[in-house]
N, C-alpha and C. Protein backbone atom coordinates (compact mmCIF):
# COMPACT_ATOMS: atom_id res chain seq x y z
N MET A 1 -7.80 15.73 13.05
CA MET A 1 -7.65 14.35 12.70
C MET A 1 -6.75 14.31 11.85
N ASN A 2 -5.83 13.47 11.46
CA ASN A 2 -4.77 12.60 11.60
C ASN A 2 -5.18 11.98 9.80
N SER A 3 -4.02 12.55 9.50
CA SER A 3 -4.06 12.67 7.93
C SER A 3 -2.95 10.88 7.49
N PHE A 4 -2.41 10.56 6.67
CA PHE A 4 -1.70 10.11 6.46
C PHE A 4 -1.84 9.78 4.67
N ASP A 5 -0.08 8.98 4.41
CA ASP A 5 -0.04 8.85 2.81
C ASP A 5 0.24 7.50 2.27
N TYR A 6 -0.13 7.54 1.99
CA TYR A 6 -0.03 5.47 1.09
C TYR A 6 0.24 4.89 0.04
N VAL A 7 0.78 3.97 0.01
CA VAL A 7 1.07 3.74 -1.26
C VAL A 7 0.54 1.88 -1.99
N VAL A 8 0.26 2.10 -3.47
CA VAL A 8 -0.50 0.50 -2.59
C VAL A 8 0.20 -0.30 -3.69
N VAL A 9 1.11 -0.71 -2.44
CA VAL A 9 2.51 -2.20 -2.63
C VAL A 9 1.54 -3.54 -2.83
N SER A 10 0.67 -4.14 -3.14
CA SER A 10 -0.27 -5.62 -3.76
C SER A 10 -1.30 -5.21 -2.94
N ILE A 11 -2.29 -5.92 -4.23
CA ILE A 11 -3.30 -6.39 -3.97
C ILE A 11 -3.75 -7.91 -3.77
N ASP A 12 -4.93 -8.53 -2.84
CA ASP A 12 -4.51 -9.87 -2.75
C ASP A 12 -6.83 -10.50 -2.61
N GLY A 13 -6.69 -10.39 -3.66
CA GLY A 13 -8.22 -10.26 -3.47
C GLY A 13 -9.28 -9.31 -2.71
N ASP A 14 -9.75 -9.86 -2.01
CA ASP A 14 -10.63 -8.12 -1.02
C ASP A 14 -9.36 -7.88 0.11
N TYR A 15 -8.72 -7.63 -0.63
CA TYR A 15 -8.16 -6.59 0.57
C TYR A 15 -6.49 -5.72 0.19
N ALA A 16 -6.38 -4.73 0.41
CA ALA A 16 -4.86 -4.11 -0.35
C ALA A 16 -3.66 -3.95 0.40
N ASN A 17 -2.48 -3.98 0.09
CA ASN A 17 -0.90 -3.60 0.92
C ASN A 17 -0.50 -2.85 1.11
N LEU A 18 -0.83 -1.60 1.69
CA LEU A 18 -0.46 -0.28 1.43
C LEU A 18 0.87 0.22 2.82
N ARG A 19 2.00 1.14 2.35
CA ARG A 19 2.82 1.31 2.74
C ARG A 19 2.66 2.98 2.86
N ARG A 20 3.16 2.85 4.59
CA ARG A 20 3.13 4.81 4.84
C ARG A 20 4.38 5.42 3.63
N THR A 21 3.76 6.71 3.14
CA THR A 21 4.95 6.88 2.09
C THR A 21 6.22 8.14 3.35
N ASP A 22 4.73 7.97 4.00
CA ASP A 22 5.25 10.03 4.55
C ASP A 22 5.79 10.03 6.44
N VAL A 23 6.34 9.06 6.17
CA VAL A 23 7.30 8.05 7.60
C VAL A 23 8.85 6.48 6.70
N GLU A 24 9.17 6.96 7.13
CA GLU A 24 10.39 5.47 6.81
C GLU A 24 9.87 4.38 8.07
N GLY A 25 9.86 3.84 7.09
CA GLY A 25 9.36 1.99 8.55
C GLY A 25 9.39 1.19 6.28
N ASP A 26 9.29 0.15 7.62
CA ASP A 26 8.73 -0.87 5.77
C ASP A 26 7.56 -1.71 6.20
N GLY A 27 6.89 -1.66 8.26
CA GLY A 27 5.21 -2.05 8.55
C GLY A 27 4.55 -1.90 6.97
N LEU A 28 3.13 -2.19 6.63
CA LEU A 28 2.33 -2.83 5.82
C LEU A 28 1.10 -2.86 6.02
N LYS A 29 0.09 -2.02 5.58
CA LYS A 29 -1.11 -1.99 6.16
C LYS A 29 -1.99 -3.04 5.30
N LEU A 30 -3.56 -3.75 6.21
CA LEU A 30 -3.81 -4.35 5.09
C LEU A 30 -5.37 -3.61 5.49
N VAL A 31 -5.88 -3.49 4.39
CA VAL A 31 -7.07 -2.78 3.71
C VAL A 31 -7.79 -3.20 3.29
N ALA A 32 -9.38 -3.02 3.50
CA ALA A 32 -10.05 -4.02 2.53
C ALA A 32 -10.75 -3.61 1.68
N ARG A 33 -9.83 -3.00 0.64
CA ARG A 33 -10.11 -3.11 -0.44
C ARG A 33 -12.20 -1.87 -1.35
N ALA A 34 -13.48 -3.00 -0.21
CA ALA A 34 -14.57 -2.01 -0.14
C ALA A 34 -14.03 -0.80 1.28
N LEU A 35 -13.40 -1.06 1.16
CA LEU A 35 -12.66 0.30 1.91
C LEU A 35 -12.32 1.49 1.05
N LEU A 36 -11.93 1.21 -0.13
CA LEU A 36 -10.35 2.10 -0.89
C LEU A 36 -11.65 2.42 -1.92
N PRO A 37 -10.72 2.93 -2.84
CA PRO A 37 -11.44 3.54 -3.46
C PRO A 37 -11.31 2.00 -5.06
N ASP A 38 -12.96 2.73 -6.11
CA ASP A 38 -12.13 1.00 -7.11
C ASP A 38 -11.53 1.24 -7.84
N THR A 39 -10.98 2.08 -8.41
CA THR A 39 -10.02 2.51 -9.53
C THR A 39 -8.55 1.78 -8.98
N ILE A 40 -8.32 1.54 -7.50
CA ILE A 40 -6.92 1.54 -7.38
C ILE A 40 -6.75 0.30 -7.75
N ALA A 41 -4.95 0.62 -8.28
CA ALA A 41 -3.67 -0.98 -9.10
C ALA A 41 -2.81 -0.31 -8.00
N GLU A 42 -1.92 -1.39 -8.10
CA GLU A 42 -0.59 -1.20 -7.17
C GLU A 42 0.55 -0.44 -7.71
N GLY A 43 1.03 0.39 -6.76
CA GLY A 43 1.48 1.61 -7.52
C GLY A 43 0.87 2.77 -7.16
N THR A 44 -0.39 2.83 -7.08
CA THR A 44 -1.65 3.83 -6.40
C THR A 44 -1.79 4.52 -5.16
N LYS A 45 -1.29 6.22 -4.96
CA LYS A 45 -0.92 6.72 -4.34
C LYS A 45 -2.16 7.28 -3.61
N LEU A 46 -2.59 7.23 -2.52
CA LEU A 46 -3.51 7.95 -1.24
C LEU A 46 -3.02 8.25 -0.63
N HIS A 47 -4.96 8.83 -0.38
CA HIS A 47 -4.66 10.13 0.98
C HIS A 47 -5.64 9.19 2.31
N TYR A 48 -5.10 9.25 3.21
CA TYR A 48 -6.24 9.03 3.83
C TYR A 48 -6.24 10.33 4.85
N GLU A 49 -7.05 10.94 5.35
CA GLU A 49 -8.17 11.51 6.16
C GLU A 49 -9.52 11.82 6.57
N PHE A 50 -9.73 11.77 6.98
CA PHE A 50 -11.25 12.12 8.27
C PHE A 50 -11.73 10.58 7.52
N MET A 51 -11.56 9.83 8.16
CA MET A 51 -11.86 8.02 7.41
C MET A 51 -12.30 7.99 6.08
N GLU A 52 -11.52 8.26 5.68
CA GLU A 52 -11.28 8.09 3.77
C GLU A 52 -10.67 7.93 3.35
N TYR A 53 -9.86 7.34 2.18
CA TYR A 53 -8.90 6.62 0.99
C TYR A 53 -9.37 7.75 0.06
N SER A 54 -8.66 9.00 -0.70
CA SER A 54 -8.74 9.16 -1.82
C SER A 54 -7.50 9.15 -2.47
N ILE A 55 -8.27 9.05 -3.42
CA ILE A 55 -6.08 8.74 -5.13
C ILE A 55 -5.36 10.76 -4.71
N VAL A 56 -4.75 10.11 -5.13
CA VAL A 56 -3.79 10.94 -5.37
C VAL A 56 -3.02 11.51 -6.36
N GLU A 57 -3.21 12.51 -7.46
CA GLU A 57 -3.20 12.09 -8.45
C GLU A 57 -1.10 12.83 -8.89
């Protein structure tokens, strides 16, 4: 199973724009906030693995 690292770039209503930090590129991924931890804010670092997002301390 693949795992990826993201940072929350912006939050727009029920969605958040995530940018991968483990590869180069400026593409954003739009993700429903219902799939993300409740306490996210802009700048929060996330780890995605096994179809779950978790906050990286």
